[in-house]
Amino acid sequence: MLSMYGEAILVTLKITLISTAIAYLIGIPLGVLLYCTSKGSIFPNGPLNAVVGFVVNIIRSVPFIIALVMIQPLAKIIVGSKIGDTAFIFYLVVAAGPFIARMVESSLKEVDAGVIEAAQSMGSNNWQIITKVLLPEAKPSLITGSAIAITTILGYTPMTYLVAGGGLGQLAIQYGLYRFNENIMYISSLLLIILVQIFQEVLSRLARHSDKRIRNK
């Protein structure tokens, strides 16, 4: 029994961490693009911002369970299967990427405009402003956002059972709910809650540690 829970925890962590990492590889560039092309930013481009924003909003507005069904043919083309853990990671990435992009954009908007203007006055180009000013200054907010993202993705993992995936959610639903085994259902749910709390606490502490305003007090 313990080995069953241990394996389910490992599968859940694998799905959550891999999908979060890939979603951030997509979401950060998209978020930076949305911020930088907005009105009054470092290289405003209204049409591009409108198109990217429209696509991001469309994907974000589709409920995850519906998106999971709609993009199964795309999953078959890209990852070679509509079911299993790898396919579910793909579904999570598609759903989480635009969500993360908006969070990144929001974090960048919190950066003091005076810091950006100072960098521009010293001759910094756009790439230097993004990599050496915007992202470092927004780091605490970005880390706080990552806590929200990773716990949201973790909350989606129980839906793995829909595509024959594994993990704590699949254990709770398939072996707990459907087989009327309350012990498995409650223990699996409790383990999911514990994982959420661990991620939230670790990332919140990391965000506070990286915030210069708090460190300098």
Foldseek 3Di string as FASTA:
>chain_A
DVVQQVVQAVLLCVLLVVLLVLLCVQQQVLLVVLQQQPPPHVNHDVVVNVVSVVVLVVLQVDDLVVLLVVCLVVLCVPVVGSFESVNVSVSSSSNLNSVSSNQNNVLLVPFDVVQLVVCVVVPDDPVCCVPVPRCLLSVLSSLLVSLVSSLVSSVCVLCNVVRPYGHLSVQLVVVPVVVVPPVSNVVSVVVSVVVSVVSNVVSNVVSLVSNPVNVVD
